[in-house]
Amino acid sequence: LGWYNRLFINFALRRHIFFFLLQSYFPAMLMVMLSWVSFWIDRRAVPARVSLGITTVLTMSTIMTGVSASMPQVSYIKAVDVYLWTSFLFVFLSVIEYAAVNYLTTIEERNQLKKRGKV
């Protein structure tokens, strides 16, 4: 019963995922894999394992800080935060694994020395 003008607007939003993969996901994945290299290093090579562990932990911290600074501040947890914290946990646990292995093998060696001394 009359003319009604309407305005149609169509927004096409696209996310360039390659940037996020290149800046955050791939480096975090590489740091986790690099921290696993310490599993193949001899347990008596303390400087090599400790320096590798500390380097990977600090690098993961730097990646997490850089990603959080480039993202908008929101009150909820983002998927990239979960991914980076999980990666950080893997890297940190590889350092803890070395500490546990070093402690347990030291106790085992002491027990063997005590047994040899008694015999």
N, C-alpha and C. Protein backbone atom coordinates (compact mmCIF):
# COMPACT_ATOMS: atom_id res chain seq x y z
N LEU A 1 0.80 -1.19 0.00
CA LEU A 1 0.00 0.00 0.00
C LEU A 1 0.84 1.25 0.00
N GLY A 2 2.01 1.13 -0.41
CA GLY A 2 2.89 2.28 -0.48
C GLY A 2 4.31 1.83 -0.77
N TRP A 3 5.17 2.79 -0.93
CA TRP A 3 6.58 2.50 -1.19
C TRP A 3 7.33 2.50 0.13
N TYR A 4 8.08 1.43 0.36
CA TYR A 4 8.93 1.32 1.54
C TYR A 4 10.36 1.05 1.06
N ASN A 5 11.21 1.95 1.31
CA ASN A 5 12.60 1.79 0.90
C ASN A 5 13.35 0.98 1.95
N ARG A 6 14.15 0.09 1.49
CA ARG A 6 14.98 -0.72 2.37
C ARG A 6 16.42 -0.67 1.90
N LEU A 7 17.28 -0.74 2.89
CA LEU A 7 18.71 -0.74 2.58
C LEU A 7 19.27 -2.09 3.00
N PHE A 8 19.86 -2.79 2.08
CA PHE A 8 20.47 -4.08 2.38
C PHE A 8 21.98 -3.91 2.38
N ILE A 9 22.59 -4.38 3.46
CA ILE A 9 24.04 -4.36 3.54
C ILE A 9 24.50 -5.78 3.83
N ASN A 10 25.43 -6.21 3.06
CA ASN A 10 25.96 -7.56 3.23
C ASN A 10 27.44 -7.45 3.58
N PHE A 11 27.81 -7.89 4.79
CA PHE A 11 29.20 -7.86 5.23
C PHE A 11 29.83 -9.23 5.00
N ALA A 12 30.97 -9.24 4.41
CA ALA A 12 31.73 -10.48 4.23
C ALA A 12 33.02 -10.33 5.04
N LEU A 13 33.06 -10.98 6.18
CA LEU A 13 34.22 -10.90 7.06
C LEU A 13 35.08 -12.14 6.85
N ARG A 14 36.35 -11.90 6.69
CA ARG A 14 37.29 -13.00 6.49
C ARG A 14 38.44 -12.86 7.46
N ARG A 15 38.89 -13.96 7.93
CA ARG A 15 40.05 -13.97 8.82
C ARG A 15 41.21 -14.60 8.07
N HIS A 16 42.31 -13.91 8.08
CA HIS A 16 43.51 -14.44 7.43
C HIS A 16 44.24 -15.31 8.45
N ILE A 17 43.95 -16.60 8.42
CA ILE A 17 44.44 -17.53 9.43
C ILE A 17 45.94 -17.79 9.28
N PHE A 18 46.49 -17.60 8.10
CA PHE A 18 47.91 -17.88 7.89
C PHE A 18 48.79 -17.01 8.78
N PHE A 19 48.37 -15.76 9.01
CA PHE A 19 49.13 -14.87 9.88
C PHE A 19 49.19 -15.43 11.30
N PHE A 20 48.07 -15.91 11.82
CA PHE A 20 48.05 -16.46 13.17
C PHE A 20 48.84 -17.76 13.25
N LEU A 21 48.74 -18.57 12.20
CA LEU A 21 49.53 -19.80 12.18
C LEU A 21 51.02 -19.49 12.19
N LEU A 22 51.41 -18.53 11.39
CA LEU A 22 52.83 -18.20 11.26
C LEU A 22 53.38 -17.50 12.49
N GLN A 23 52.56 -16.70 13.16
CA GLN A 23 53.05 -15.92 14.29
C GLN A 23 52.97 -16.64 15.62
N SER A 24 51.99 -17.51 15.81
CA SER A 24 51.81 -18.09 17.13
C SER A 24 51.78 -19.62 17.15
N TYR A 25 51.03 -20.24 16.26
CA TYR A 25 50.86 -21.69 16.35
C TYR A 25 52.12 -22.46 15.96
N PHE A 26 52.73 -22.12 14.84
CA PHE A 26 53.93 -22.83 14.40
C PHE A 26 55.11 -22.64 15.37
N PRO A 27 55.41 -21.43 15.82
CA PRO A 27 56.52 -21.30 16.78
C PRO A 27 56.27 -22.06 18.08
N ALA A 28 55.05 -22.06 18.56
CA ALA A 28 54.76 -22.80 19.78
C ALA A 28 54.94 -24.30 19.56
N MET A 29 54.49 -24.79 18.42
CA MET A 29 54.66 -26.20 18.10
C MET A 29 56.15 -26.56 17.99
N LEU A 30 56.93 -25.69 17.37
CA LEU A 30 58.36 -25.94 17.24
C LEU A 30 59.05 -25.93 18.60
N MET A 31 58.61 -25.05 19.51
CA MET A 31 59.21 -25.01 20.85
C MET A 31 58.90 -26.28 21.63
N VAL A 32 57.70 -26.80 21.47
CA VAL A 32 57.37 -28.06 22.14
C VAL A 32 58.23 -29.19 21.59
N MET A 33 58.38 -29.24 20.29
CA MET A 33 59.22 -30.29 19.70
C MET A 33 60.68 -30.12 20.10
N LEU A 34 61.14 -28.88 20.18
CA LEU A 34 62.52 -28.63 20.60
C LEU A 34 62.73 -29.04 22.05
N SER A 35 61.73 -28.82 22.89
CA SER A 35 61.89 -29.23 24.29
C SER A 35 61.95 -30.74 24.42
N TRP A 36 61.33 -31.47 23.48
CA TRP A 36 61.40 -32.93 23.52
C TRP A 36 62.76 -33.46 23.09
N VAL A 37 63.57 -32.63 22.45
CA VAL A 37 64.93 -33.05 22.08
C VAL A 37 65.73 -33.38 23.34
N SER A 38 65.42 -32.73 24.44
CA SER A 38 66.16 -32.99 25.68
C SER A 38 65.96 -34.42 26.17
N PHE A 39 64.91 -35.11 25.72
CA PHE A 39 64.72 -36.51 26.11
C PHE A 39 65.79 -37.41 25.50
N TRP A 40 66.39 -36.98 24.39
CA TRP A 40 67.40 -37.78 23.72
C TRP A 40 68.82 -37.43 24.16
N ILE A 41 68.96 -36.36 24.93
CA ILE A 41 70.28 -35.99 25.42
C ILE A 41 70.57 -36.81 26.67
N ASP A 42 71.81 -37.22 26.81
CA ASP A 42 72.21 -38.02 27.96
C ASP A 42 71.89 -37.29 29.26
N ARG A 43 71.41 -38.03 30.24
CA ARG A 43 70.98 -37.41 31.50
C ARG A 43 72.16 -36.80 32.27
N ARG A 44 73.37 -37.22 31.97
CA ARG A 44 74.53 -36.66 32.66
C ARG A 44 75.01 -35.35 32.02
N ALA A 45 74.46 -35.01 30.87
CA ALA A 45 74.82 -33.75 30.20
C ALA A 45 73.94 -32.63 30.76
N VAL A 46 74.24 -32.25 31.99
CA VAL A 46 73.41 -31.29 32.71
C VAL A 46 73.35 -29.93 32.02
N PRO A 47 74.48 -29.33 31.62
CA PRO A 47 74.38 -28.00 30.99
C PRO A 47 73.54 -27.99 29.72
N ALA A 48 73.66 -29.03 28.93
CA ALA A 48 72.90 -29.07 27.67
C ALA A 48 71.41 -29.15 27.94
N ARG A 49 71.01 -30.03 28.84
CA ARG A 49 69.58 -30.21 29.10
C ARG A 49 68.99 -29.01 29.81
N VAL A 50 69.72 -28.44 30.77
CA VAL A 50 69.19 -27.29 31.51
C VAL A 50 69.09 -26.07 30.60
N SER A 51 70.10 -25.81 29.81
CA SER A 51 70.04 -24.65 28.93
C SER A 51 68.96 -24.80 27.87
N LEU A 52 68.78 -26.00 27.34
CA LEU A 52 67.71 -26.23 26.38
C LEU A 52 66.34 -26.04 27.03
N GLY A 53 66.18 -26.54 28.24
CA GLY A 53 64.91 -26.40 28.94
C GLY A 53 64.58 -24.95 29.27
N ILE A 54 65.55 -24.23 29.78
CA ILE A 54 65.32 -22.83 30.13
C ILE A 54 65.07 -21.99 28.88
N THR A 55 65.80 -22.26 27.82
CA THR A 55 65.60 -21.52 26.58
C THR A 55 64.20 -21.73 26.02
N THR A 56 63.72 -22.96 26.02
CA THR A 56 62.39 -23.21 25.48
C THR A 56 61.30 -22.61 26.36
N VAL A 57 61.47 -22.66 27.68
CA VAL A 57 60.48 -22.05 28.58
C VAL A 57 60.43 -20.54 28.37
N LEU A 58 61.59 -19.90 28.30
CA LEU A 58 61.61 -18.45 28.09
C LEU A 58 61.07 -18.06 26.72
N THR A 59 61.36 -18.86 25.72
CA THR A 59 60.83 -18.56 24.38
C THR A 59 59.32 -18.71 24.35
N MET A 60 58.80 -19.72 25.02
CA MET A 60 57.34 -19.86 25.09
C MET A 60 56.72 -18.69 25.82
N SER A 61 57.37 -18.22 26.87
CA SER A 61 56.85 -17.04 27.59
C SER A 61 56.84 -15.82 26.68
N THR A 62 57.88 -15.67 25.88
CA THR A 62 57.95 -14.54 24.95
C THR A 62 56.86 -14.64 23.88
N ILE A 63 56.63 -15.82 23.37
CA ILE A 63 55.58 -16.02 22.37
C ILE A 63 54.22 -15.69 22.97
N MET A 64 53.97 -16.16 24.19
CA MET A 64 52.68 -15.90 24.84
C MET A 64 52.48 -14.41 25.09
N THR A 65 53.53 -13.73 25.51
CA THR A 65 53.43 -12.30 25.75
C THR A 65 53.18 -11.54 24.46
N GLY A 66 53.88 -11.89 23.40
CA GLY A 66 53.69 -11.24 22.12
C GLY A 66 52.30 -11.44 21.53
N VAL A 67 51.79 -12.65 21.65
CA VAL A 67 50.45 -12.92 21.12
C VAL A 67 49.39 -12.18 21.93
N SER A 68 49.52 -12.19 23.24
CA SER A 68 48.52 -11.51 24.07
C SER A 68 48.57 -9.99 23.87
N ALA A 69 49.74 -9.46 23.56
CA ALA A 69 49.85 -8.02 23.31
C ALA A 69 49.23 -7.63 21.96
N SER A 70 49.27 -8.55 20.99
CA SER A 70 48.73 -8.23 19.67
C SER A 70 47.24 -8.49 19.57
N MET A 71 46.67 -9.18 20.55
CA MET A 71 45.23 -9.48 20.54
C MET A 71 44.47 -8.43 21.34
N PRO A 72 43.21 -8.26 21.03
CA PRO A 72 42.41 -7.34 21.84
C PRO A 72 42.18 -7.90 23.24
N GLN A 73 42.11 -7.01 24.22
CA GLN A 73 41.89 -7.43 25.60
C GLN A 73 40.41 -7.74 25.80
N VAL A 74 40.11 -8.99 26.07
CA VAL A 74 38.74 -9.43 26.30
C VAL A 74 38.67 -10.15 27.64
N SER A 75 37.47 -10.32 28.16
CA SER A 75 37.31 -10.90 29.49
C SER A 75 37.19 -12.42 29.47
N TYR A 76 37.24 -13.02 28.31
CA TYR A 76 37.11 -14.46 28.21
C TYR A 76 38.39 -15.06 27.64
N ILE A 77 38.50 -16.37 27.77
CA ILE A 77 39.69 -17.08 27.29
C ILE A 77 39.53 -17.37 25.80
N LYS A 78 40.56 -17.08 25.04
CA LYS A 78 40.55 -17.34 23.60
C LYS A 78 41.18 -18.71 23.33
N ALA A 79 40.89 -19.23 22.17
CA ALA A 79 41.43 -20.54 21.78
C ALA A 79 42.94 -20.50 21.71
N VAL A 80 43.51 -19.39 21.24
CA VAL A 80 44.97 -19.28 21.15
C VAL A 80 45.59 -19.29 22.55
N ASP A 81 44.89 -18.76 23.54
CA ASP A 81 45.39 -18.80 24.91
C ASP A 81 45.46 -20.24 25.43
N VAL A 82 44.43 -21.00 25.15
CA VAL A 82 44.42 -22.41 25.58
C VAL A 82 45.55 -23.17 24.89
N TYR A 83 45.73 -22.93 23.59
CA TYR A 83 46.78 -23.61 22.85
C TYR A 83 48.16 -23.25 23.38
N LEU A 84 48.40 -21.96 23.64
CA LEU A 84 49.71 -21.53 24.11
C LEU A 84 49.98 -21.99 25.53
N TRP A 85 48.98 -21.97 26.38
CA TRP A 85 49.19 -22.45 27.76
C TRP A 85 49.43 -23.96 27.78
N THR A 86 48.74 -24.69 26.91
CA THR A 86 48.99 -26.13 26.82
C THR A 86 50.41 -26.40 26.31
N SER A 87 50.83 -25.64 25.32
CA SER A 87 52.20 -25.78 24.81
C SER A 87 53.22 -25.43 25.89
N PHE A 88 52.95 -24.37 26.64
CA PHE A 88 53.84 -23.99 27.73
C PHE A 88 53.90 -25.10 28.78
N LEU A 89 52.77 -25.72 29.05
CA LEU A 89 52.75 -26.82 30.03
C LEU A 89 53.62 -27.99 29.56
N PHE A 90 53.53 -28.33 28.27
CA PHE A 90 54.38 -29.41 27.74
C PHE A 90 55.86 -29.07 27.86
N VAL A 91 56.21 -27.83 27.54
CA VAL A 91 57.61 -27.41 27.61
C VAL A 91 58.09 -27.43 29.06
N PHE A 92 57.27 -26.92 29.96
CA PHE A 92 57.65 -26.87 31.37
C PHE A 92 57.76 -28.28 31.95
N LEU A 93 56.86 -29.17 31.57
CA LEU A 93 56.92 -30.54 32.07
C LEU A 93 58.14 -31.28 31.56
N SER A 94 58.66 -30.92 30.41
CA SER A 94 59.89 -31.56 29.94
C SER A 94 61.07 -31.15 30.83
N VAL A 95 61.06 -29.93 31.34
CA VAL A 95 62.10 -29.50 32.28
C VAL A 95 61.93 -30.24 33.61
N ILE A 96 60.70 -30.35 34.07
CA ILE A 96 60.42 -31.07 35.33
C ILE A 96 60.79 -32.55 35.19
N GLU A 97 60.58 -33.11 34.01
CA GLU A 97 60.94 -34.51 33.79
C GLU A 97 62.43 -34.71 33.99
N TYR A 98 63.25 -33.79 33.50
CA TYR A 98 64.68 -33.93 33.70
C TYR A 98 65.05 -33.83 35.18
N ALA A 99 64.42 -32.92 35.90
CA ALA A 99 64.70 -32.80 37.32
C ALA A 99 64.33 -34.09 38.06
N ALA A 100 63.19 -34.68 37.70
CA ALA A 100 62.77 -35.93 38.35
C ALA A 100 63.71 -37.07 38.00
N VAL A 101 64.10 -37.18 36.73
CA VAL A 101 65.02 -38.24 36.33
C VAL A 101 66.37 -38.07 37.02
N ASN A 102 66.87 -36.87 37.08
CA ASN A 102 68.15 -36.61 37.73
C ASN A 102 68.08 -36.97 39.21
N TYR A 103 67.01 -36.58 39.88
CA TYR A 103 66.86 -36.87 41.31
C TYR A 103 66.75 -38.37 41.56
N LEU A 104 65.92 -39.06 40.79
CA LEU A 104 65.72 -40.49 41.01
C LEU A 104 66.97 -41.30 40.67
N THR A 105 67.70 -40.93 39.63
CA THR A 105 68.92 -41.67 39.31
C THR A 105 70.02 -41.39 40.33
N THR A 106 70.03 -40.19 40.89
CA THR A 106 71.01 -39.90 41.95
C THR A 106 70.73 -40.76 43.17
N ILE A 107 69.48 -40.90 43.55
CA ILE A 107 69.12 -41.76 44.68
C ILE A 107 69.48 -43.21 44.38
N GLU A 108 69.21 -43.65 43.16
CA GLU A 108 69.53 -45.03 42.77
C GLU A 108 71.03 -45.28 42.81
N GLU A 109 71.83 -44.33 42.35
CA GLU A 109 73.28 -44.49 42.38
C GLU A 109 73.80 -44.51 43.81
N ARG A 110 73.23 -43.71 44.69
CA ARG A 110 73.63 -43.73 46.11
C ARG A 110 73.31 -45.08 46.74
N ASN A 111 72.14 -45.62 46.43
CA ASN A 111 71.77 -46.93 46.98
C ASN A 111 72.70 -48.02 46.48
N GLN A 112 73.11 -47.95 45.21
CA GLN A 112 74.03 -48.94 44.69
C GLN A 112 75.41 -48.81 45.33
N LEU A 113 75.85 -47.58 45.59
CA LEU A 113 77.14 -47.39 46.27
C LEU A 113 77.09 -47.92 47.70
N LYS A 114 75.98 -47.74 48.37
CA LYS A 114 75.84 -48.26 49.73
C LYS A 114 75.87 -49.77 49.75
N LYS A 115 75.21 -50.40 48.76
CA LYS A 115 75.22 -51.86 48.67
C LYS A 115 76.62 -52.39 48.40
N ARG A 116 77.36 -51.71 47.55
CA ARG A 116 78.74 -52.15 47.24
C ARG A 116 79.64 -51.96 48.45
N GLY A 117 79.40 -50.91 49.19
CA GLY A 117 80.21 -50.64 50.37
C GLY A 117 79.98 -51.67 51.47
N LYS A 118 78.75 -52.16 51.59
CA LYS A 118 78.43 -53.16 52.61
C LYS A 118 78.98 -54.51 52.25
N VAL A 119 79.01 -54.84 50.96
CA VAL A 119 79.50 -56.15 50.53
C VAL A 119 81.01 -56.12 50.59
